[in-house]
Amino acid sequence: MSLTDAAAERLRRLYESGRQGMTLRIGLKTKGCSGLSYDMSWVEGPGPGDEVVTDKGITLFVDRKASLFLIGTVMDYEVRSLESGFTFTNPNEKGRCGCGECFHV
């Protein structure tokens, strides 16, 4: 898993502000019509077996159960006219649902 410059900068700002002492953990959960969705949570430390990923000076944790599904994934931060947030480009995705919230591999 890797970060774009925009994602790294956004996480850097979050880590330096109200999220000091916390680290972002990426996982997957069962959801929606396609089966999986990305799950992001703030944690104080890695869970048992979590993969520690450091890219562009930013550290995040990847749930070990999600690691195989996230190989090669690029995390970005996009700002649009009506919304902003983290996005994922995952080469393992085989399709997405109509709402774009969930995917299958």
PDB file of N, CA and C in Angstrom:
ATOM      1  N   MET A   1       0.849  -1.169   0.000  1.00  0.00           N
ATOM      2  CA  MET A   1       0.000   0.000   0.000  1.00  0.00           C
ATOM      3  C   MET A   1       0.896   1.235   0.000  1.00  0.00           C
ATOM      4  N   SER A   2       0.512   2.205  -0.808  1.00  0.00           N
ATOM      5  CA  SER A   2       1.301   3.435  -0.879  1.00  0.00           C
ATOM      6  C   SER A   2       0.373   4.647  -0.819  1.00  0.00           C
ATOM      7  N   LEU A   3       0.968   5.808  -0.579  1.00  0.00           N
ATOM      8  CA  LEU A   3       0.240   7.073  -0.452  1.00  0.00           C
ATOM      9  C   LEU A   3       0.635   8.032  -1.561  1.00  0.00           C
ATOM     10  N   THR A   4      -0.323   8.796  -2.038  1.00  0.00           N
ATOM     11  CA  THR A   4       0.014   9.902  -2.928  1.00  0.00           C
ATOM     12  C   THR A   4       0.541  11.041  -2.065  1.00  0.00           C
ATOM     13  N   ASP A   5       1.104  12.046  -2.706  1.00  0.00           N
ATOM     14  CA  ASP A   5       1.573  13.213  -1.957  1.00  0.00           C
ATOM     15  C   ASP A   5       0.424  13.882  -1.213  1.00  0.00           C
ATOM     16  N   ALA A   6      -0.749  13.960  -1.844  1.00  0.00           N
ATOM     17  CA  ALA A   6      -1.910  14.607  -1.205  1.00  0.00           C
ATOM     18  C   ALA A   6      -2.368  13.840   0.030  1.00  0.00           C
ATOM     19  N   ALA A   7      -2.394  12.508  -0.054  1.00  0.00           N
ATOM     20  CA  ALA A   7      -2.796  11.701   1.103  1.00  0.00           C
ATOM     21  C   ALA A   7      -1.777  11.834   2.232  1.00  0.00           C
ATOM     22  N   ALA A   8      -0.501  11.814   1.886  1.00  0.00           N
ATOM     23  CA  ALA A   8       0.548  11.945   2.905  1.00  0.00           C
ATOM     24  C   ALA A   8       0.456  13.297   3.603  1.00  0.00           C
ATOM     25  N   GLU A   9       0.236  14.350   2.839  1.00  0.00           N
ATOM     26  CA  GLU A   9       0.133  15.692   3.432  1.00  0.00           C
ATOM     27  C   GLU A   9      -1.095  15.805   4.335  1.00  0.00           C
ATOM     28  N   ARG A  10      -2.217  15.257   3.899  1.00  0.00           N
ATOM     29  CA  ARG A  10      -3.438  15.307   4.724  1.00  0.00           C
ATOM     30  C   ARG A  10      -3.246  14.518   6.021  1.00  0.00           C
ATOM     31  N   LEU A  11      -2.656  13.334   5.936  1.00  0.00           N
ATOM     32  CA  LEU A  11      -2.402  12.545   7.144  1.00  0.00           C
ATOM     33  C   LEU A  11      -1.410  13.249   8.061  1.00  0.00           C
ATOM     34  N   ARG A  12      -0.385  13.870   7.471  1.00  0.00           N
ATOM     35  CA  ARG A  12       0.595  14.610   8.274  1.00  0.00           C
ATOM     36  C   ARG A  12      -0.106  15.699   9.086  1.00  0.00           C
ATOM     37  N   ARG A  13      -1.022  16.423   8.437  1.00  0.00           N
ATOM     38  CA  ARG A  13      -1.763  17.482   9.150  1.00  0.00           C
ATOM     39  C   ARG A  13      -2.666  16.897  10.223  1.00  0.00           C
ATOM     40  N   LEU A  14      -3.306  15.782   9.933  1.00  0.00           N
ATOM     41  CA  LEU A  14      -4.170  15.140  10.931  1.00  0.00           C
ATOM     42  C   LEU A  14      -3.351  14.633  12.116  1.00  0.00           C
ATOM     43  N   TYR A  15      -2.210  14.008  11.831  1.00  0.00           N
ATOM     44  CA  TYR A  15      -1.354  13.502  12.903  1.00  0.00           C
ATOM     45  C   TYR A  15      -0.835  14.631  13.788  1.00  0.00           C
ATOM     46  N   GLU A  16      -0.573  15.787  13.201  1.00  0.00           N
ATOM     47  CA  GLU A  16      -0.030  16.919  13.959  1.00  0.00           C
ATOM     48  C   GLU A  16      -1.102  17.680  14.726  1.00  0.00           C
ATOM     49  N   SER A  17      -2.352  17.515  14.348  1.00  0.00           N
ATOM     50  CA  SER A  17      -3.423  18.257  15.030  1.00  0.00           C
ATOM     51  C   SER A  17      -4.078  17.382  16.093  1.00  0.00           C
ATOM     52  N   GLY A  18      -5.343  17.201  16.014  1.00  0.00           N
ATOM     53  CA  GLY A  18      -6.096  16.494  17.036  1.00  0.00           C
ATOM     54  C   GLY A  18      -5.859  15.010  17.114  1.00  0.00           C
ATOM     55  N   ARG A  19      -5.100  14.442  16.207  1.00  0.00           N
ATOM     56  CA  ARG A  19      -4.873  12.996  16.197  1.00  0.00           C
ATOM     57  C   ARG A  19      -3.484  12.629  16.719  1.00  0.00           C
ATOM     58  N   GLN A  20      -2.862  13.528  17.476  1.00  0.00           N
ATOM     59  CA  GLN A  20      -1.529  13.241  18.011  1.00  0.00           C
ATOM     60  C   GLN A  20      -1.596  11.985  18.877  1.00  0.00           C
ATOM     61  N   GLY A  21      -0.627  11.101  18.696  1.00  0.00           N
ATOM     62  CA  GLY A  21      -0.577   9.872  19.456  1.00  0.00           C
ATOM     63  C   GLY A  21      -1.418   8.754  18.865  1.00  0.00           C
ATOM     64  N   MET A  22      -2.152   9.045  17.791  1.00  0.00           N
ATOM     65  CA  MET A  22      -2.990   8.051  17.139  1.00  0.00           C
ATOM     66  C   MET A  22      -2.417   7.762  15.748  1.00  0.00           C
ATOM     67  N   THR A  23      -2.753   6.588  15.224  1.00  0.00           N
ATOM     68  CA  THR A  23      -2.313   6.198  13.887  1.00  0.00           C
ATOM     69  C   THR A  23      -3.517   5.665  13.131  1.00  0.00           C
ATOM     70  N   LEU A  24      -3.582   5.958  11.852  1.00  0.00           N
ATOM     71  CA  LEU A  24      -4.677   5.478  11.024  1.00  0.00           C
ATOM     72  C   LEU A  24      -4.479   4.001  10.729  1.00  0.00           C
ATOM     73  N   ARG A  25      -5.558   3.237  10.885  1.00  0.00           N
ATOM     74  CA  ARG A  25      -5.551   1.795  10.597  1.00  0.00           C
ATOM     75  C   ARG A  25      -6.539   1.548   9.460  1.00  0.00           C
ATOM     76  N   ILE A  26      -6.061   0.873   8.411  1.00  0.00           N
ATOM     77  CA  ILE A  26      -6.881   0.557   7.250  1.00  0.00           C
ATOM     78  C   ILE A  26      -7.255  -0.916   7.299  1.00  0.00           C
ATOM     79  N   GLY A  27      -8.517  -1.182   7.081  1.00  0.00           N
ATOM     80  CA  GLY A  27      -8.996  -2.556   7.019  1.00  0.00           C
ATOM     81  C   GLY A  27     -10.136  -2.648   6.031  1.00  0.00           C
ATOM     82  N   LEU A  28     -10.771  -3.778   6.008  1.00  0.00           N
ATOM     83  CA  LEU A  28     -11.941  -4.000   5.165  1.00  0.00           C
ATOM     84  C   LEU A  28     -13.061  -4.534   6.035  1.00  0.00           C
ATOM     85  N   LYS A  29     -14.288  -4.207   5.657  1.00  0.00           N
ATOM     86  CA  LYS A  29     -15.428  -4.787   6.351  1.00  0.00           C
ATOM     87  C   LYS A  29     -16.465  -5.208   5.317  1.00  0.00           C
ATOM     88  N   THR A  30     -17.295  -6.142   5.707  1.00  0.00           N
ATOM     89  CA  THR A  30     -18.355  -6.610   4.828  1.00  0.00           C
ATOM     90  C   THR A  30     -19.463  -5.573   4.829  1.00  0.00           C
ATOM     91  N   LYS A  31     -19.855  -5.145   3.603  1.00  0.00           N
ATOM     92  CA  LYS A  31     -20.850  -4.074   3.515  1.00  0.00           C
ATOM     93  C   LYS A  31     -21.441  -4.030   2.118  1.00  0.00           C
ATOM     94  N   GLY A  32     -22.674  -3.640   2.034  1.00  0.00           N
ATOM     95  CA  GLY A  32     -23.302  -3.299   0.772  1.00  0.00           C
ATOM     96  C   GLY A  32     -23.521  -4.446  -0.184  1.00  0.00           C
ATOM     97  N   CYS A  33     -23.844  -4.083  -1.392  1.00  0.00           N
ATOM     98  CA  CYS A  33     -24.235  -5.066  -2.407  1.00  0.00           C
ATOM     99  C   CYS A  33     -23.056  -5.781  -3.044  1.00  0.00           C
ATOM    100  N   SER A  34     -21.858  -5.210  -3.002  1.00  0.00           N
ATOM    101  CA  SER A  34     -20.704  -5.859  -3.629  1.00  0.00           C
ATOM    102  C   SER A  34     -19.853  -6.648  -2.641  1.00  0.00           C
ATOM    103  N   GLY A  35     -20.024  -6.408  -1.366  1.00  0.00           N
ATOM    104  CA  GLY A  35     -19.354  -7.252  -0.387  1.00  0.00           C
ATOM    105  C   GLY A  35     -18.333  -6.627   0.528  1.00  0.00           C
ATOM    106  N   LEU A  36     -17.474  -5.724   0.056  1.00  0.00           N
ATOM    107  CA  LEU A  36     -16.411  -5.173   0.890  1.00  0.00           C
ATOM    108  C   LEU A  36     -16.381  -3.649   0.803  1.00  0.00           C
ATOM    109  N   SER A  37     -15.960  -3.030   1.893  1.00  0.00           N
ATOM    110  CA  SER A  37     -15.725  -1.586   1.877  1.00  0.00           C
ATOM    111  C   SER A  37     -14.491  -1.299   2.722  1.00  0.00           C
ATOM    112  N   TYR A  38     -13.865  -0.174   2.458  1.00  0.00           N
ATOM    113  CA  TYR A  38     -12.682   0.221   3.210  1.00  0.00           C
ATOM    114  C   TYR A  38     -13.119   0.721   4.579  1.00  0.00           C
ATOM    115  N   ASP A  39     -12.345   0.360   5.599  1.00  0.00           N
ATOM    116  CA  ASP A  39     -12.642   0.751   6.968  1.00  0.00           C
ATOM    117  C   ASP A  39     -11.411   1.453   7.528  1.00  0.00           C
ATOM    118  N   MET A  40     -11.592   2.690   7.960  1.00  0.00           N
ATOM    119  CA  MET A  40     -10.492   3.463   8.516  1.00  0.00           C
ATOM    120  C   MET A  40     -10.836   3.833   9.949  1.00  0.00           C
ATOM    121  N   SER A  41      -9.882   3.624  10.846  1.00  0.00           N
ATOM    122  CA  SER A  41     -10.108   3.973  12.248  1.00  0.00           C
ATOM    123  C   SER A  41      -8.804   4.477  12.855  1.00  0.00           C
ATOM    124  N   TRP A  42      -8.935   5.282  13.900  1.00  0.00           N
ATOM    125  CA  TRP A  42      -7.777   5.808  14.614  1.00  0.00           C
ATOM    126  C   TRP A  42      -7.487   4.885  15.780  1.00  0.00           C
ATOM    127  N   VAL A  43      -6.243   4.439  15.894  1.00  0.00           N
ATOM    128  CA  VAL A  43      -5.847   3.528  16.961  1.00  0.00           C
ATOM    129  C   VAL A  43      -4.561   4.027  17.617  1.00  0.00           C
ATOM    130  N   GLU A  44      -4.331   3.557  18.844  1.00  0.00           N
ATOM    131  CA  GLU A  44      -3.124   3.954  19.563  1.00  0.00           C
ATOM    132  C   GLU A  44      -1.911   3.120  19.177  1.00  0.00           C
ATOM    133  N   GLY A  45      -2.157   1.919  18.666  1.00  0.00           N
ATOM    134  CA  GLY A  45      -1.059   1.049  18.269  1.00  0.00           C
ATOM    135  C   GLY A  45      -1.572  -0.038  17.352  1.00  0.00           C
ATOM    136  N   PRO A  46      -0.662  -0.784  16.748  1.00  0.00           N
ATOM    137  CA  PRO A  46      -1.086  -1.834  15.820  1.00  0.00           C
ATOM    138  C   PRO A  46      -1.767  -2.987  16.546  1.00  0.00           C
ATOM    139  N   GLY A  47      -2.677  -3.633  15.835  1.00  0.00           N
ATOM    140  CA  GLY A  47      -3.299  -4.844  16.342  1.00  0.00           C
ATOM    141  C   GLY A  47      -2.371  -6.021  16.113  1.00  0.00           C
ATOM    142  N   PRO A  48      -2.690  -7.161  16.712  1.00  0.00           N
ATOM    143  CA  PRO A  48      -1.846  -8.341  16.521  1.00  0.00           C
ATOM    144  C   PRO A  48      -1.725  -8.699  15.038  1.00  0.00           C
ATOM    145  N   GLY A  49      -0.521  -8.722  14.551  1.00  0.00           N
ATOM    146  CA  GLY A  49      -0.283  -9.094  13.159  1.00  0.00           C
ATOM    147  C   GLY A  49      -0.473  -7.987  12.152  1.00  0.00           C
ATOM    148  N   ASP A  50      -0.865  -6.781  12.578  1.00  0.00           N
ATOM    149  CA  ASP A  50      -1.040  -5.681  11.626  1.00  0.00           C
ATOM    150  C   ASP A  50       0.274  -5.389  10.915  1.00  0.00           C
ATOM    151  N   GLU A  51       0.157  -5.034   9.665  1.00  0.00           N
ATOM    152  CA  GLU A  51       1.321  -4.626   8.895  1.00  0.00           C
ATOM    153  C   GLU A  51       1.551  -3.137   9.123  1.00  0.00           C
ATOM    154  N   VAL A  52       2.772  -2.749   9.397  1.00  0.00           N
ATOM    155  CA  VAL A  52       3.122  -1.344   9.577  1.00  0.00           C
ATOM    156  C   VAL A  52       3.653  -0.839   8.240  1.00  0.00           C
ATOM    157  N   VAL A  53       2.968   0.148   7.674  1.00  0.00           N
ATOM    158  CA  VAL A  53       3.342   0.700   6.374  1.00  0.00           C
ATOM    159  C   VAL A  53       3.840   2.123   6.584  1.00  0.00           C
ATOM    160  N   THR A  54       5.014   2.429   6.045  1.00  0.00           N
ATOM    161  CA  THR A  54       5.550   3.787   6.091  1.00  0.00           C
ATOM    162  C   THR A  54       5.851   4.215   4.668  1.00  0.00           C
ATOM    163  N   ASP A  55       5.240   5.326   4.268  1.00  0.00           N
ATOM    164  CA  ASP A  55       5.459   5.867   2.927  1.00  0.00           C
ATOM    165  C   ASP A  55       5.464   7.383   3.026  1.00  0.00           C
ATOM    166  N   LYS A  56       6.403   8.007   2.399  1.00  0.00           N
ATOM    167  CA  LYS A  56       6.540   9.466   2.401  1.00  0.00           C
ATOM    168  C   LYS A  56       6.609  10.031   3.828  1.00  0.00           C
ATOM    169  N   GLY A  57       7.219   9.258   4.727  1.00  0.00           N
ATOM    170  CA  GLY A  57       7.378   9.693   6.111  1.00  0.00           C
ATOM    171  C   GLY A  57       6.130   9.525   6.974  1.00  0.00           C
ATOM    172  N   ILE A  58       5.101   8.921   6.449  1.00  0.00           N
ATOM    173  CA  ILE A  58       3.836   8.719   7.171  1.00  0.00           C
ATOM    174  C   ILE A  58       3.664   7.237   7.465  1.00  0.00           C
ATOM    175  N   THR A  59       3.286   6.920   8.701  1.00  0.00           N
ATOM    176  CA  THR A  59       3.050   5.539   9.094  1.00  0.00           C
ATOM    177  C   THR A  59       1.563   5.293   9.242  1.00  0.00           C
ATOM    178  N   LEU A  60       1.133   4.140   8.771  1.00  0.00           N
ATOM    179  CA  LEU A  60      -0.232   3.680   9.015  1.00  0.00           C
ATOM    180  C   LEU A  60      -0.187   2.178   9.188  1.00  0.00           C
ATOM    181  N   PHE A  61      -1.262   1.631   9.741  1.00  0.00           N
ATOM    182  CA  PHE A  61      -1.357   0.200   9.969  1.00  0.00           C
ATOM    183  C   PHE A  61      -2.361  -0.391   8.994  1.00  0.00           C
ATOM    184  N   VAL A  62      -2.091  -1.616   8.548  1.00  0.00           N
ATOM    185  CA  VAL A  62      -3.008  -2.332   7.677  1.00  0.00           C
ATOM    186  C   VAL A  62      -3.404  -3.620   8.396  1.00  0.00           C
ATOM    187  N   ASP A  63      -4.697  -3.803   8.566  1.00  0.00           N
ATOM    188  CA  ASP A  63      -5.233  -5.005   9.193  1.00  0.00           C
ATOM    189  C   ASP A  63      -4.702  -6.227   8.455  1.00  0.00           C
ATOM    190  N   ARG A  64      -4.161  -7.181   9.178  1.00  0.00           N
ATOM    191  CA  ARG A  64      -3.553  -8.354   8.529  1.00  0.00           C
ATOM    192  C   ARG A  64      -4.567  -9.134   7.713  1.00  0.00           C
ATOM    193  N   LYS A  65      -5.840  -9.105   8.090  1.00  0.00           N
ATOM    194  CA  LYS A  65      -6.869  -9.817   7.329  1.00  0.00           C
ATOM    195  C   LYS A  65      -7.157  -9.139   5.991  1.00  0.00           C
ATOM    196  N   ALA A  66      -6.805  -7.868   5.878  1.00  0.00           N
ATOM    197  CA  ALA A  66      -7.064  -7.115   4.651  1.00  0.00           C
ATOM    198  C   ALA A  66      -5.843  -7.029   3.749  1.00  0.00           C
ATOM    199  N   SER A  67      -4.682  -7.410   4.241  1.00  0.00           N
ATOM    200  CA  SER A  67      -3.424  -7.217   3.508  1.00  0.00           C
ATOM    201  C   SER A  67      -3.452  -7.784   2.090  1.00  0.00           C
ATOM    202  N   LEU A  68      -3.927  -9.007   1.933  1.00  0.00           N
ATOM    203  CA  LEU A  68      -3.917  -9.619   0.600  1.00  0.00           C
ATOM    204  C   LEU A  68      -4.819  -8.881  -0.378  1.00  0.00           C
ATOM    205  N   PHE A  69      -5.896  -8.288   0.114  1.00  0.00           N
ATOM    206  CA  PHE A  69      -6.821  -7.554  -0.751  1.00  0.00           C
ATOM    207  C   PHE A  69      -6.310  -6.160  -1.091  1.00  0.00           C
ATOM    208  N   LEU A  70      -5.319  -5.668  -0.328  1.00  0.00           N
ATOM    209  CA  LEU A  70      -4.844  -4.291  -0.497  1.00  0.00           C
ATOM    210  C   LEU A  70      -3.468  -4.192  -1.153  1.00  0.00           C
ATOM    211  N   ILE A  71      -2.907  -5.318  -1.572  1.00  0.00           N
ATOM    212  CA  ILE A  71      -1.591  -5.287  -2.224  1.00  0.00           C
ATOM    213  C   ILE A  71      -1.659  -4.411  -3.473  1.00  0.00           C
ATOM    214  N   GLY A  72      -0.770  -3.445  -3.566  1.00  0.00           N
ATOM    215  CA  GLY A  72      -0.709  -2.563  -4.725  1.00  0.00           C
ATOM    216  C   GLY A  72      -1.664  -1.380  -4.667  1.00  0.00           C
ATOM    217  N   THR A  73      -2.424  -1.243  -3.569  1.00  0.00           N
ATOM    218  CA  THR A  73      -3.404  -0.158  -3.452  1.00  0.00           C
ATOM    219  C   THR A  73      -2.708   1.178  -3.215  1.00  0.00           C
ATOM    220  N   VAL A  74      -3.229   2.212  -3.854  1.00  0.00           N
ATOM    221  CA  VAL A  74      -2.736   3.578  -3.669  1.00  0.00           C
ATOM    222  C   VAL A  74      -3.836   4.384  -2.987  1.00  0.00           C
ATOM    223  N   MET A  75      -3.495   5.001  -1.868  1.00  0.00           N
ATOM    224  CA  MET A  75      -4.433   5.845  -1.124  1.00  0.00           C
ATOM    225  C   MET A  75      -4.178   7.293  -1.502  1.00  0.00           C
ATOM    226  N   ASP A  76      -5.250   8.001  -1.847  1.00  0.00           N
ATOM    227  CA  ASP A  76      -5.157   9.403  -2.259  1.00  0.00           C
ATOM    228  C   ASP A  76      -6.090  10.234  -1.387  1.00  0.00           C
ATOM    229  N   TYR A  77      -5.922  11.536  -1.431  1.00  0.00           N
ATOM    230  CA  TYR A  77      -6.848  12.463  -0.780  1.00  0.00           C
ATOM    231  C   TYR A  77      -7.302  13.431  -1.847  1.00  0.00           C
ATOM    232  N   GLU A  78      -8.612  13.461  -2.085  1.00  0.00           N
ATOM    233  CA  GLU A  78      -9.169  14.311  -3.136  1.00  0.00           C
ATOM    234  C   GLU A  78     -10.071  15.378  -2.540  1.00  0.00           C
ATOM    235  N   VAL A  79      -9.972  16.571  -3.104  1.00  0.00           N
ATOM    236  CA  VAL A  79     -10.848  17.673  -2.727  1.00  0.00           C
ATOM    237  C   VAL A  79     -11.668  18.027  -3.951  1.00  0.00           C
ATOM    238  N   ARG A  80     -12.973  17.923  -3.813  1.00  0.00           N
ATOM    239  CA  ARG A  80     -13.896  18.258  -4.907  1.00  0.00           C
ATOM    240  C   ARG A  80     -14.767  19.412  -4.456  1.00  0.00           C
ATOM    241  N   SER A  81     -15.608  19.908  -5.338  1.00  0.00           N
ATOM    242  CA  SER A  81     -16.412  21.078  -5.013  1.00  0.00           C
ATOM    243  C   SER A  81     -17.379  20.835  -3.852  1.00  0.00           C
ATOM    244  N   LEU A  82     -17.928  19.641  -3.718  1.00  0.00           N
ATOM    245  CA  LEU A  82     -18.899  19.385  -2.655  1.00  0.00           C
ATOM    246  C   LEU A  82     -18.443  18.363  -1.618  1.00  0.00           C
ATOM    247  N   GLU A  83     -17.281  17.771  -1.805  1.00  0.00           N
ATOM    248  CA  GLU A  83     -16.812  16.769  -0.851  1.00  0.00           C
ATOM    249  C   GLU A  83     -15.302  16.635  -0.914  1.00  0.00           C
ATOM    250  N   SER A  84     -14.754  16.074   0.123  1.00  0.00           N
ATOM    251  CA  SER A  84     -13.333  15.746   0.132  1.00  0.00           C
ATOM    252  C   SER A  84     -13.151  14.487   0.972  1.00  0.00           C
ATOM    253  N   GLY A  85     -12.100  13.745   0.676  1.00  0.00           N
ATOM    254  CA  GLY A  85     -11.857  12.546   1.451  1.00  0.00           C
ATOM    255  C   GLY A  85     -10.811  11.655   0.822  1.00  0.00           C
ATOM    256  N   PHE A  86     -10.499  10.595   1.549  1.00  0.00           N
ATOM    257  CA  PHE A  86      -9.525   9.624   1.074  1.00  0.00           C
ATOM    258  C   PHE A  86     -10.183   8.698   0.058  1.00  0.00           C
ATOM    259  N   THR A  87      -9.436   8.366  -0.974  1.00  0.00           N
ATOM    260  CA  THR A  87      -9.900   7.435  -2.000  1.00  0.00           C
ATOM    261  C   THR A  87      -8.846   6.346  -2.164  1.00  0.00           C
ATOM    262  N   PHE A  88      -9.256   5.227  -2.723  1.00  0.00           N
ATOM    263  CA  PHE A  88      -8.360   4.094  -2.904  1.00  0.00           C
ATOM    264  C   PHE A  88      -8.412   3.626  -4.352  1.00  0.00           C
ATOM    265  N   THR A  89      -7.244   3.441  -4.949  1.00  0.00           N
ATOM    266  CA  THR A  89      -7.135   2.820  -6.261  1.00  0.00           C
ATOM    267  C   THR A  89      -6.527   1.444  -6.010  1.00  0.00           C
ATOM    268  N   ASN A  90      -7.373   0.430  -6.144  1.00  0.00           N
ATOM    269  CA  ASN A  90      -6.992  -0.926  -5.775  1.00  0.00           C
ATOM    270  C   ASN A  90      -6.990  -1.814  -7.022  1.00  0.00           C
ATOM    271  N   PRO A  91      -5.808  -2.304  -7.444  1.00  0.00           N
ATOM    272  CA  PRO A  91      -5.746  -3.135  -8.644  1.00  0.00           C
ATOM    273  C   PRO A  91      -6.423  -4.500  -8.462  1.00  0.00           C
ATOM    274  N   ASN A  92      -6.762  -4.868  -7.241  1.00  0.00           N
ATOM    275  CA  ASN A  92      -7.407  -6.148  -6.958  1.00  0.00           C
ATOM    276  C   ASN A  92      -8.921  -6.104  -7.115  1.00  0.00           C
ATOM    277  N   GLU A  93      -9.490  -4.897  -7.198  1.00  0.00           N
ATOM    278  CA  GLU A  93     -10.938  -4.770  -7.346  1.00  0.00           C
ATOM    279  C   GLU A  93     -11.380  -5.332  -8.694  1.00  0.00           C
ATOM    280  N   LYS A  94     -12.424  -6.128  -8.664  1.00  0.00           N
ATOM    281  CA  LYS A  94     -13.000  -6.679  -9.891  1.00  0.00           C
ATOM    282  C   LYS A  94     -14.266  -5.921 -10.293  1.00  0.00           C
ATOM    283  N   GLY A  95     -14.846  -5.167  -9.364  1.00  0.00           N
ATOM    284  CA  GLY A  95     -16.029  -4.382  -9.664  1.00  0.00           C
ATOM    285  C   GLY A  95     -16.492  -3.618  -8.446  1.00  0.00           C
ATOM    286  N   ARG A  96     -17.332  -2.610  -8.699  1.00  0.00           N
ATOM    287  CA  ARG A  96     -17.901  -1.775  -7.637  1.00  0.00           C
ATOM    288  C   ARG A  96     -19.407  -1.752  -7.772  1.00  0.00           C
ATOM    289  N   CYS A  97     -20.066  -1.464  -6.663  1.00  0.00           N
ATOM    290  CA  CYS A  97     -21.518  -1.330  -6.708  1.00  0.00           C
ATOM    291  C   CYS A  97     -21.876   0.024  -7.327  1.00  0.00           C
ATOM    292  N   GLY A  98     -23.134   0.246  -7.590  1.00  0.00           N
ATOM    293  CA  GLY A  98     -23.590   1.483  -8.202  1.00  0.00           C
ATOM    294  C   GLY A  98     -23.331   2.719  -7.376  1.00  0.00           C
ATOM    295  N   CYS A  99     -23.372   2.582  -6.051  1.00  0.00           N
ATOM    296  CA  CYS A  99     -23.163   3.751  -5.188  1.00  0.00           C
ATOM    297  C   CYS A  99     -21.683   4.084  -5.001  1.00  0.00           C
ATOM    298  N   GLY A 100     -20.790   3.142  -5.366  1.00  0.00           N
ATOM    299  CA  GLY A 100     -19.366   3.382  -5.248  1.00  0.00           C
ATOM    300  C   GLY A 100     -18.812   3.181  -3.855  1.00  0.00           C
ATOM    301  N   GLU A 101     -19.630   2.778  -2.907  1.00  0.00           N
ATOM    302  CA  GLU A 101     -19.205   2.589  -1.531  1.00  0.00           C
ATOM    303  C   GLU A 101     -18.517   1.246  -1.283  1.00  0.00           C
ATOM    304  N   CYS A 102     -18.862   0.244  -2.081  1.00  0.00           N
ATOM    305  CA  CYS A 102     -18.311  -1.087  -1.826  1.00  0.00           C
ATOM    306  C   CYS A 102     -17.814  -1.717  -3.126  1.00  0.00           C
ATOM    307  N   PHE A 103     -17.045  -2.796  -2.973  1.00  0.00           N
ATOM    308  CA  PHE A 103     -16.412  -3.436  -4.120  1.00  0.00           C
ATOM    309  C   PHE A 103     -16.283  -4.930  -3.871  1.00  0.00           C
ATOM    310  N   HIS A 104     -15.874  -5.666  -4.893  1.00  0.00           N
ATOM    311  CA  HIS A 104     -15.575  -7.084  -4.732  1.00  0.00           C
ATOM    312  C   HIS A 104     -14.251  -7.407  -5.432  1.00  0.00           C
ATOM    313  N   VAL A 105     -13.628  -8.467  -4.960  1.00  0.00           N
ATOM    314  CA  VAL A 105     -12.337  -8.886  -5.529  1.00  0.00           C
ATOM    315  C   VAL A 105     -12.465 -10.266  -6.125  1.00  0.00           C
TER     316      VAL A 105
END
